[in-house]
Amino acid sequence: MGIGDWGLGIGDWGLGIGPNPQSPIPNPQSPIKIDYFEILIFYIFIINYLKMEIKKKFEKNIFTEVIEDKSQNNQKEKEENNINQIIINKEQNNEQKEQTQEKNNEEKKISQKNQKTVKKIKEICSQDFISIEELRNICWKGIPSEDPLIRAECWKILLGLYPLKKELKISIIQRKKDEYLDMCNVYSNALSNPEEVMNEEELKIYRQIQKDNPRTMPESSLFQNSKIQFMLTRVLYIWSLRHPASGYVQGFNDLCIPFFIVYFLEKFPEKNVDTILKLNEDEFKKLSEDTLTEIETTIYFSLTKLLDRIQTNYTINQPGITKMIKKMELIVEKVDPKLYEYLKKFEIDYVQFCFRWMNCFLIREFPVKLILRLWDAYFSEEKGFSEFHLYVCACLLLTFSEKLKAMTEFQELIVFLQNLPTSNWTVEDMDMLLAKSYSIKMLYSNSIILKSEGKNQ
């Protein structure tokens, strides 16, 4: 009898082995026949089945262990990364602290140096008779901005507005103020009713001034103030009518910018260059009419003293500027002949980019803060605007010599020269430019003058 006859047929496990339905019913009294082959097959199946189950369980455990190991490794890696990041952050913080400390130390040194300079300038200006050479020497290196009163005082002395003899100062200031008020009274009616009172030539000047003034630092609330606009108009109009040889020339409004800033800072010493340009209406109203007249008077005579030094720059056809540009070209040729020849190869005319440099004395090429530093040096030079300025312009061009020689198109060169990348320059950059310019002047001025005179002949 087969084992399948007792319900243990292997066929029940899907192996197709089971009782034969056609076999005769066994006799219970008959002896049991054991089919060892079927038993063997059965056990083989059971063993294989168990192996499969064990294998599945083992693989599952292995997979779980792998996942756990991987998770642990990831966690460990994450912890290591966190530790590394903490170390990096700490190093960066330490580096930033060191840089901040270095910067603070440097600023402290500069501040200490500036305090000494301010003290020295005050000592010079407090003398009964001011030593102009001593004042020029110290101001050439830059007048510290920490005390706005100092720069205003120095500029007035260096320009010749204030006398060197201390006891004459008060009387001269009053005399200048009275003189300017008289001029204002003379032109008061014309400025109030320009269309009715002014003749054709005067009206032409007035309209051009009115056109140019709103373009004066349009981003600054100080210069867009209506009262400032009127003050600027009156200064330029009166100066133009009293100097008919030149009259009004576009760019004069720009030349007034440094004077407005310096003399307004004198009245708001708690402010700096950046904040004075943002002076609002309420702050402006704190100034009395007498104070505003004092500022306007000082601006008028400062502009007059400046333009007296460079008068031929603004007469008909501006021959002074033409001469300055030619001299600057000679300086470039002498100092950097390769750049000179390179620009010549592209037929670059210096007038195309540096006319504005000469006409406005670089006011449009640098941030205002740097212009004040530049003009500290110009006022400290005997011929700062008429001569030293040429070397500064030449040195400015030479600063970009390599960049210019790497350009291969005329248009590229002109666009670059008309828009030099100087907006991010610092006071230190300006100091370096001035130092190099002075060195070039010392080395080449005699040969430049001789060559210039030879060409003129």
Protein backbone atom coordinates (compact mmCIF):
# COMPACT_ATOMS: atom_id res chain seq x y z
CA MET A 1 0.00 0.00 0.00
CA GLY A 2 1.47 3.45 -0.98
CA ILE A 3 1.88 6.16 1.57
CA GLY A 4 -0.39 8.36 -0.52
CA ASP A 5 -3.25 5.98 0.39
CA TRP A 6 -3.07 7.30 3.99
CA GLY A 7 -3.50 10.93 3.02
CA LEU A 8 0.27 11.49 2.76
CA GLY A 9 0.37 11.31 -1.02
CA ILE A 10 3.09 13.44 -2.41
CA GLY A 11 0.56 14.60 -5.01
CA ASP A 12 -0.95 16.78 -2.31
CA TRP A 13 2.32 18.75 -2.48
CA GLY A 14 1.95 19.21 -6.18
CA LEU A 15 4.31 16.42 -7.28
CA GLY A 16 1.63 14.42 -9.15
CA ILE A 17 2.19 11.27 -6.98
CA GLY A 18 -0.87 9.84 -5.22
CA PRO A 19 -3.19 6.81 -4.91
CA ASN A 20 -4.37 5.18 -8.06
CA PRO A 21 -8.19 5.39 -8.05
CA GLN A 22 -8.39 2.26 -10.15
CA SER A 23 -6.38 0.07 -7.73
CA PRO A 24 -8.41 -2.50 -5.74
CA ILE A 25 -9.46 -1.71 -2.18
CA PRO A 26 -6.76 -3.09 0.07
CA ASN A 27 -7.49 -5.77 2.52
CA PRO A 28 -6.96 -4.59 6.09
CA GLN A 29 -5.64 -7.99 6.94
CA SER A 30 -2.99 -7.81 4.24
CA PRO A 31 0.51 -6.88 5.32
CA ILE A 32 1.52 -3.16 4.70
CA LYS A 33 3.84 -2.59 1.81
CA ILE A 34 6.12 0.39 2.27
CA ASP A 35 7.21 2.28 -0.83
CA TYR A 36 10.57 3.62 0.26
CA PHE A 37 10.98 5.55 -2.93
CA GLU A 38 7.95 7.71 -2.21
CA ILE A 39 9.18 8.29 1.35
CA LEU A 40 12.52 9.36 -0.01
CA ILE A 41 10.91 11.75 -2.44
CA PHE A 42 8.81 13.15 0.36
CA TYR A 43 11.76 13.80 2.63
CA ILE A 44 13.74 15.32 -0.20
CA PHE A 45 10.87 17.69 -0.81
CA ILE A 46 10.63 18.60 2.89
CA ILE A 47 14.37 19.19 3.11
CA ASN A 48 14.31 21.40 0.00
CA TYR A 49 11.37 23.30 1.35
CA LEU A 50 13.07 23.89 4.68
CA LYS A 51 16.25 24.96 2.87
CA MET A 52 14.25 27.50 0.91
CA GLU A 53 12.64 28.85 4.06
CA ILE A 54 15.95 29.02 5.88
CA LYS A 55 17.55 30.73 2.88
CA LYS A 56 14.76 33.33 2.74
CA LYS A 57 15.09 34.02 6.43
CA PHE A 58 18.86 34.18 6.18
CA GLU A 59 18.73 36.54 3.19
CA LYS A 60 16.20 38.68 5.01
CA ASN A 61 18.46 38.87 8.05
CA ILE A 62 21.47 39.59 5.89
CA PHE A 63 19.55 42.36 4.08
CA THR A 64 18.41 43.81 7.40
CA GLU A 65 21.94 43.70 8.71
CA VAL A 66 23.23 45.35 5.54
CA ILE A 67 20.60 48.09 5.83
CA GLU A 68 21.42 48.55 9.49
CA ASP A 69 25.13 48.59 8.74
CA LYS A 70 24.57 51.07 5.94
CA SER A 71 22.39 53.20 8.21
CA GLN A 72 25.03 53.08 10.90
CA ASN A 73 27.72 53.96 8.37
CA ASN A 74 25.60 56.85 7.09
CA GLN A 75 25.04 58.02 10.63
CA LYS A 76 28.72 57.73 11.36
CA GLU A 77 29.59 59.54 8.13
CA LYS A 78 27.05 62.22 8.99
CA GLU A 79 28.54 62.64 12.44
CA GLU A 80 32.03 62.85 10.92
CA ASN A 81 30.80 65.42 8.42
CA ASN A 82 29.21 67.42 11.23
CA ILE A 83 32.44 67.32 13.17
CA ASN A 84 34.39 68.37 10.06
CA GLN A 85 31.92 71.17 9.40
CA ILE A 86 32.22 72.34 13.00
CA ILE A 87 36.01 72.38 12.60
CA ILE A 88 35.74 74.26 9.27
CA ASN A 89 33.28 76.78 10.75
CA LYS A 90 35.55 77.27 13.72
CA GLU A 91 38.53 77.84 11.43
CA GLN A 92 36.51 80.26 9.29
CA ASN A 93 35.31 82.10 12.40
CA ASN A 94 38.86 82.30 13.66
CA GLU A 95 39.99 83.57 10.25
CA GLN A 96 37.19 86.14 10.18
CA LYS A 97 38.05 87.20 13.72
CA GLU A 98 41.68 87.60 12.69
CA GLN A 99 40.70 89.60 9.60
CA THR A 100 38.33 91.74 11.66
CA GLN A 101 41.03 92.25 14.25
CA GLU A 102 43.55 93.18 11.56
CA LYS A 103 41.03 95.57 10.02
CA ASN A 104 40.26 97.10 13.40
CA ASN A 105 43.96 97.45 14.13
CA GLU A 106 44.51 99.05 10.72
CA GLU A 107 41.57 101.41 11.24
CA LYS A 108 42.88 102.21 14.69
CA LYS A 109 46.30 103.04 13.23
CA ILE A 110 44.69 105.20 10.52
CA SER A 111 42.50 106.89 13.12
CA GLN A 112 45.51 107.61 15.33
CA LYS A 113 47.42 108.92 12.32
CA ASN A 114 44.46 111.09 11.29
CA GLN A 115 44.11 112.47 14.81
CA LYS A 116 47.76 113.50 14.73
CA THR A 117 47.20 115.12 11.31
CA VAL A 118 44.11 116.98 12.54
CA LYS A 119 46.03 118.19 15.59
CA LYS A 120 48.92 119.35 13.42
CA ILE A 121 46.59 121.20 11.00
CA LYS A 122 44.83 122.93 13.89
CA GLU A 123 48.19 124.04 15.25
CA ILE A 124 49.18 125.49 11.85
CA CYS A 125 45.82 127.26 11.35
CA SER A 126 45.86 128.74 14.86
CA GLN A 127 49.12 130.60 14.24
CA ASP A 128 49.00 134.40 13.99
CA PHE A 129 50.53 134.05 10.55
CA ILE A 130 49.84 130.75 8.80
CA SER A 131 52.74 128.98 7.11
CA ILE A 132 51.22 128.20 3.72
CA GLU A 133 54.05 125.83 2.76
CA GLU A 134 53.62 123.86 5.96
CA LEU A 135 49.87 123.66 5.40
CA ARG A 136 50.32 122.58 1.77
CA ASN A 137 52.74 119.82 2.73
CA ILE A 138 50.39 118.25 5.24
CA CYS A 139 47.18 118.72 3.20
CA TRP A 140 48.77 117.20 0.09
CA LYS A 141 48.76 113.84 1.89
CA GLY A 142 45.01 114.12 2.48
CA ILE A 143 42.90 116.08 4.94
CA PRO A 144 41.23 113.66 7.41
CA SER A 145 37.44 113.43 7.15
CA GLU A 146 37.00 112.81 10.88
CA ASP A 147 36.66 116.56 11.43
CA PRO A 148 34.71 118.20 8.54
CA LEU A 149 35.55 121.65 9.88
CA ILE A 150 39.22 121.06 9.12
CA ARG A 151 38.82 120.47 5.37
CA ALA A 152 36.55 123.49 4.96
CA GLU A 153 39.05 125.69 6.81
CA CYS A 154 42.03 124.35 4.85
CA TRP A 155 40.38 124.75 1.46
CA LYS A 156 39.50 128.37 2.19
CA ILE A 157 43.10 129.12 3.19
CA LEU A 158 44.67 127.17 0.30
CA LEU A 159 42.34 128.87 -2.21
CA GLY A 160 43.21 132.30 -0.81
CA LEU A 161 39.73 133.10 0.52
CA TYR A 162 41.10 133.47 4.04
CA PRO A 163 44.18 135.60 4.69
CA LEU A 164 47.32 134.08 6.14
CA LYS A 165 47.32 136.80 8.78
CA LYS A 166 44.82 135.69 11.42
CA GLU A 167 43.73 139.16 12.57
CA LEU A 168 42.41 140.03 9.09
CA LYS A 169 40.18 136.96 8.80
CA ILE A 170 36.93 138.32 10.31
CA SER A 171 36.95 141.59 8.37
CA ILE A 172 37.68 139.85 5.05
CA ILE A 173 34.88 137.30 5.59
CA GLN A 174 32.42 140.14 6.24
CA ARG A 175 33.66 142.12 3.25
CA LYS A 176 33.22 139.10 0.94
CA LYS A 177 29.73 138.49 2.29
CA ASP A 178 28.69 142.11 1.72
CA GLU A 179 30.18 142.04 -1.77
CA TYR A 180 28.22 138.94 -2.72
CA LEU A 181 24.97 140.27 -1.26
CA ASP A 182 25.40 143.41 -3.39
CA MET A 183 25.78 141.22 -6.49
CA CYS A 184 22.68 139.23 -5.53
CA ASN A 185 20.70 142.46 -5.22
CA VAL A 186 21.88 143.62 -8.63
CA TYR A 187 20.67 140.45 -10.33
CA SER A 188 17.68 139.78 -8.08
CA ASN A 189 15.11 141.25 -10.44
CA ALA A 190 16.53 139.40 -13.45
CA LEU A 191 16.51 136.04 -11.64
CA SER A 192 12.95 136.63 -10.44
CA ASN A 193 11.65 137.64 -13.90
CA PRO A 194 14.11 136.23 -16.45
CA GLU A 195 11.84 136.35 -19.48
CA GLU A 196 10.97 140.02 -18.92
CA VAL A 197 14.25 141.46 -17.67
CA MET A 198 17.10 139.48 -19.31
CA ASN A 199 18.36 140.25 -22.80
CA GLU A 200 18.81 137.51 -25.39
CA GLU A 201 22.39 136.60 -24.40
CA GLU A 202 21.61 136.59 -20.67
CA LEU A 203 18.52 134.50 -21.25
CA LYS A 204 20.56 131.98 -23.25
CA ILE A 205 22.99 131.61 -20.33
CA TYR A 206 20.18 131.38 -17.78
CA ARG A 207 18.32 128.68 -19.75
CA GLN A 208 21.47 126.58 -20.17
CA ILE A 209 22.15 126.78 -16.43
CA GLN A 210 18.54 125.81 -15.69
CA LYS A 211 18.93 122.88 -18.05
CA ASP A 212 22.18 121.65 -16.50
CA ASN A 213 21.43 122.08 -12.80
CA PRO A 214 18.87 119.25 -12.42
CA ARG A 215 21.54 116.91 -13.87
CA THR A 216 23.87 117.75 -10.97
CA MET A 217 23.97 114.55 -8.93
CA PRO A 218 20.33 113.65 -9.67
CA GLU A 219 20.51 110.78 -7.15
CA SER A 220 21.27 113.17 -4.27
CA SER A 221 18.46 114.74 -2.23
CA LEU A 222 20.84 117.58 -1.30
CA PHE A 223 21.36 118.71 -4.88
CA GLN A 224 17.74 118.13 -5.87
CA ASN A 225 16.52 120.42 -3.09
CA SER A 226 14.81 123.44 -4.69
CA LYS A 227 16.70 125.89 -2.48
CA ILE A 228 20.04 124.33 -3.45
CA GLN A 229 19.02 124.45 -7.10
CA PHE A 230 18.33 128.17 -6.77
CA MET A 231 21.63 128.78 -4.93
CA LEU A 232 23.52 126.93 -7.67
CA THR A 233 21.70 128.84 -10.40
CA ARG A 234 22.46 132.19 -8.79
CA VAL A 235 26.15 131.37 -8.24
CA LEU A 236 26.64 130.26 -11.85
CA TYR A 237 24.55 133.06 -13.40
CA ILE A 238 26.30 135.85 -11.48
CA TRP A 239 29.75 134.38 -12.16
CA SER A 240 29.01 134.02 -15.89
CA LEU A 241 27.83 137.62 -16.30
CA ARG A 242 30.79 138.97 -14.35
CA HIS A 243 33.26 136.95 -16.45
CA PRO A 244 32.16 137.63 -20.05
CA ALA A 245 35.44 136.33 -21.54
CA SER A 246 34.26 132.80 -20.86
CA GLY A 247 30.65 133.16 -19.76
CA TYR A 248 28.90 129.98 -18.71
CA VAL A 249 30.44 126.67 -19.82
CA GLN A 250 28.75 123.31 -19.37
CA GLY A 251 30.48 121.49 -16.53
CA PHE A 252 30.64 124.48 -14.18
CA ASN A 253 27.78 122.95 -12.22
CA ASP A 254 29.94 119.86 -11.62
CA LEU A 255 32.82 122.01 -10.38
CA CYS A 256 30.54 123.35 -7.65
CA ILE A 257 29.76 119.88 -6.24
CA PRO A 258 32.85 119.52 -3.99
CA PHE A 259 32.36 123.04 -2.59
CA PHE A 260 28.71 122.42 -1.72
CA ILE A 261 29.59 119.16 0.05
CA VAL A 262 32.54 120.51 2.03
CA TYR A 263 30.82 123.71 3.13
CA PHE A 264 27.55 121.97 4.05
CA LEU A 265 29.51 119.39 6.05
CA GLU A 266 30.96 122.33 7.95
CA LYS A 267 27.43 123.09 9.16
CA PHE A 268 26.58 119.42 9.79
CA PRO A 269 29.82 118.07 11.33
CA GLU A 270 28.03 114.95 12.62
CA LYS A 271 27.49 113.81 9.03
CA ASN A 272 29.88 112.36 6.44
CA VAL A 273 30.09 112.64 2.66
CA ASP A 274 27.52 109.89 2.06
CA THR A 275 24.96 111.16 4.56
CA ILE A 276 25.25 114.85 3.64
CA LEU A 277 24.23 113.94 0.08
CA LYS A 278 21.01 112.53 1.57
CA LEU A 279 20.21 115.66 3.57
CA ASN A 280 16.42 115.84 3.80
CA GLU A 281 14.08 118.82 3.81
CA ASP A 282 13.59 118.88 7.59
CA GLU A 283 17.34 118.91 8.21
CA PHE A 284 17.84 121.56 5.56
CA LYS A 285 15.29 123.84 7.25
CA LYS A 286 17.46 123.93 10.38
CA LEU A 287 19.82 126.26 8.53
CA SER A 288 19.03 129.95 8.80
CA GLU A 289 18.94 132.27 5.79
CA ASP A 290 22.08 133.95 7.08
CA THR A 291 23.89 130.57 7.22
CA LEU A 292 22.75 129.70 3.69
CA THR A 293 23.99 133.07 2.44
CA GLU A 294 27.34 132.44 4.12
CA ILE A 295 27.62 129.03 2.39
CA GLU A 296 26.59 130.45 -0.99
CA THR A 297 29.07 133.31 -0.67
CA THR A 298 31.90 130.90 0.11
CA ILE A 299 30.96 128.68 -2.85
CA TYR A 300 30.88 131.66 -5.24
CA PHE A 301 34.32 132.93 -4.26
CA SER A 302 35.78 129.40 -4.13
CA LEU A 303 34.61 128.79 -7.70
CA THR A 304 36.03 132.17 -8.71
CA LYS A 305 39.44 131.40 -7.19
CA LEU A 306 39.49 127.98 -8.88
CA LEU A 307 38.53 129.26 -12.34
CA ASP A 308 41.01 132.16 -12.10
CA ARG A 309 43.79 129.53 -12.13
CA ILE A 310 42.53 127.89 -15.34
CA GLN A 311 40.76 130.72 -17.14
CA THR A 312 41.99 129.80 -20.64
CA ASN A 313 40.26 126.42 -20.28
CA TYR A 314 36.90 128.14 -20.70
CA THR A 315 37.44 131.00 -23.12
CA ILE A 316 36.30 130.69 -26.75
CA ASN A 317 37.27 127.31 -28.25
CA GLN A 318 38.75 126.36 -24.86
CA PRO A 319 42.42 126.58 -25.95
CA GLY A 320 43.63 125.75 -22.43
CA ILE A 321 42.00 122.32 -22.51
CA THR A 322 43.38 121.60 -25.99
CA LYS A 323 46.88 122.42 -24.72
CA MET A 324 46.42 120.25 -21.62
CA ILE A 325 45.32 117.25 -23.71
CA LYS A 326 48.40 117.57 -25.95
CA LYS A 327 50.68 117.69 -22.92
CA MET A 328 49.01 114.67 -21.43
CA GLU A 329 49.58 112.80 -24.69
CA LEU A 330 53.29 113.69 -24.47
CA ILE A 331 53.45 112.32 -20.93
CA VAL A 332 51.93 108.99 -22.05
CA GLU A 333 54.35 108.81 -24.98
CA LYS A 334 57.31 109.41 -22.67
CA VAL A 335 56.31 107.05 -19.85
CA ASP A 336 54.64 104.20 -21.78
CA PRO A 337 55.59 104.35 -25.48
CA LYS A 338 54.03 100.92 -26.16
CA LEU A 339 50.61 102.10 -24.98
CA TYR A 340 51.05 105.35 -26.89
CA GLU A 341 51.77 103.46 -30.13
CA TYR A 342 48.95 101.00 -29.50
CA LEU A 343 46.34 103.76 -29.13
CA LYS A 344 47.84 105.50 -32.15
CA LYS A 345 47.45 102.32 -34.20
CA PHE A 346 43.68 102.43 -33.59
CA GLU A 347 43.63 106.17 -34.33
CA ILE A 348 42.35 106.95 -30.84
CA ASP A 349 42.03 110.71 -30.41
CA TYR A 350 42.62 111.71 -26.78
CA VAL A 351 39.90 114.36 -27.06
CA GLN A 352 37.38 111.54 -27.43
CA PHE A 353 37.81 110.39 -23.86
CA CYS A 354 39.81 112.88 -21.82
CA PHE A 355 38.14 116.19 -22.73
CA ARG A 356 35.75 115.54 -19.83
CA TRP A 357 38.71 114.76 -17.56
CA MET A 358 40.12 118.23 -18.25
CA ASN A 359 36.81 120.09 -18.30
CA CYS A 360 35.46 118.68 -15.01
CA PHE A 361 38.71 117.64 -13.31
CA LEU A 362 37.71 113.97 -12.99
CA ILE A 363 34.55 114.72 -10.99
CA ARG A 364 32.57 112.31 -13.17
CA GLU A 365 35.23 109.59 -13.07
CA PHE A 366 35.40 108.98 -9.31
CA PRO A 367 33.11 108.80 -6.26
CA VAL A 368 32.78 112.18 -4.52
CA LYS A 369 34.76 111.02 -1.47
CA LEU A 370 37.78 110.43 -3.72
CA ILE A 371 37.34 113.76 -5.50
CA LEU A 372 37.66 115.54 -2.15
CA ARG A 373 40.89 113.63 -1.51
CA LEU A 374 42.12 114.46 -5.03
CA TRP A 375 41.32 118.15 -4.63
CA ASP A 376 43.15 118.22 -1.26
CA ALA A 377 46.29 117.53 -3.29
CA TYR A 378 45.36 119.92 -6.13
CA PHE A 379 44.79 122.84 -3.75
CA SER A 380 48.09 122.00 -2.05
CA GLU A 381 50.01 122.25 -5.35
CA GLU A 382 50.90 125.66 -6.67
CA LYS A 383 49.68 124.60 -10.12
CA GLY A 384 47.48 121.70 -9.08
CA PHE A 385 44.67 122.20 -11.60
CA SER A 386 46.68 123.59 -14.49
CA GLU A 387 49.71 121.27 -14.36
CA PHE A 388 49.68 118.45 -11.79
CA HIS A 389 46.25 117.41 -13.04
CA LEU A 390 47.84 116.41 -16.37
CA TYR A 391 50.11 113.90 -14.65
CA VAL A 392 47.20 112.50 -12.67
CA CYS A 393 45.18 111.99 -15.88
CA ALA A 394 48.16 110.39 -17.64
CA CYS A 395 48.81 108.11 -14.66
CA LEU A 396 45.12 107.17 -14.57
CA LEU A 397 45.35 106.08 -18.20
CA LEU A 398 48.62 104.19 -17.56
CA THR A 399 46.95 102.30 -14.69
CA PHE A 400 44.89 100.44 -17.30
CA SER A 401 47.72 100.02 -19.81
CA GLU A 402 47.72 96.21 -19.89
CA LYS A 403 43.94 95.98 -20.18
CA LEU A 404 43.90 98.48 -23.02
CA LYS A 405 46.67 96.67 -24.94
CA ALA A 406 44.68 93.43 -24.67
CA MET A 407 41.70 95.01 -26.50
CA THR A 408 41.45 94.50 -30.24
CA GLU A 409 38.56 96.69 -31.36
CA PHE A 410 38.30 100.49 -31.67
CA GLN A 411 34.81 100.53 -30.16
CA GLU A 412 35.90 98.40 -27.23
CA LEU A 413 38.77 100.78 -26.47
CA ILE A 414 36.65 103.93 -26.67
CA VAL A 415 33.84 102.54 -24.50
CA PHE A 416 36.36 101.47 -21.86
CA LEU A 417 38.20 104.81 -21.89
CA GLN A 418 34.95 106.74 -21.57
CA ASN A 419 33.78 104.57 -18.68
CA LEU A 420 36.82 103.62 -16.60
CA PRO A 421 36.12 101.03 -13.86
CA THR A 422 36.90 103.35 -10.93
CA SER A 423 33.58 103.29 -9.06
CA ASN A 424 34.97 100.85 -6.46
CA TRP A 425 38.24 102.65 -5.91
CA THR A 426 39.21 103.43 -2.32
CA VAL A 427 41.05 106.35 -0.73
CA GLU A 428 44.13 104.12 -0.69
CA ASP A 429 43.82 103.68 -4.48
CA MET A 430 43.63 107.45 -4.88
CA ASP A 431 46.67 107.90 -2.63
CA MET A 432 48.57 105.48 -4.84
CA LEU A 433 47.49 107.30 -8.02
CA LEU A 434 48.64 110.63 -6.59
CA ALA A 435 51.98 109.20 -5.44
CA LYS A 436 52.69 107.69 -8.88
CA SER A 437 51.62 110.91 -10.60
CA TYR A 438 53.99 112.93 -8.45
CA SER A 439 56.85 110.52 -9.23
CA ILE A 440 56.21 110.81 -12.98
CA LYS A 441 56.11 114.59 -12.67
CA MET A 442 59.45 114.64 -10.86
CA LEU A 443 61.06 112.35 -13.44
CA TYR A 444 59.68 113.74 -16.71
CA SER A 445 58.37 117.28 -16.19
CA ASN A 446 61.46 119.05 -17.64
CA SER A 447 61.60 116.91 -20.79
CA ILE A 448 57.83 117.18 -21.27
CA ILE A 449 57.96 120.99 -21.03
CA LEU A 450 60.84 121.20 -23.52
CA LYS A 451 59.14 118.85 -25.98
CA SER A 452 55.86 120.72 -25.64
CA GLU A 453 57.52 124.05 -26.29
CA GLY A 454 59.30 122.58 -29.33
CA LYS A 455 56.01 121.36 -30.81
CA ASN A 456 54.32 124.70 -30.18
CA GLN A 457 57.10 126.47 -32.05
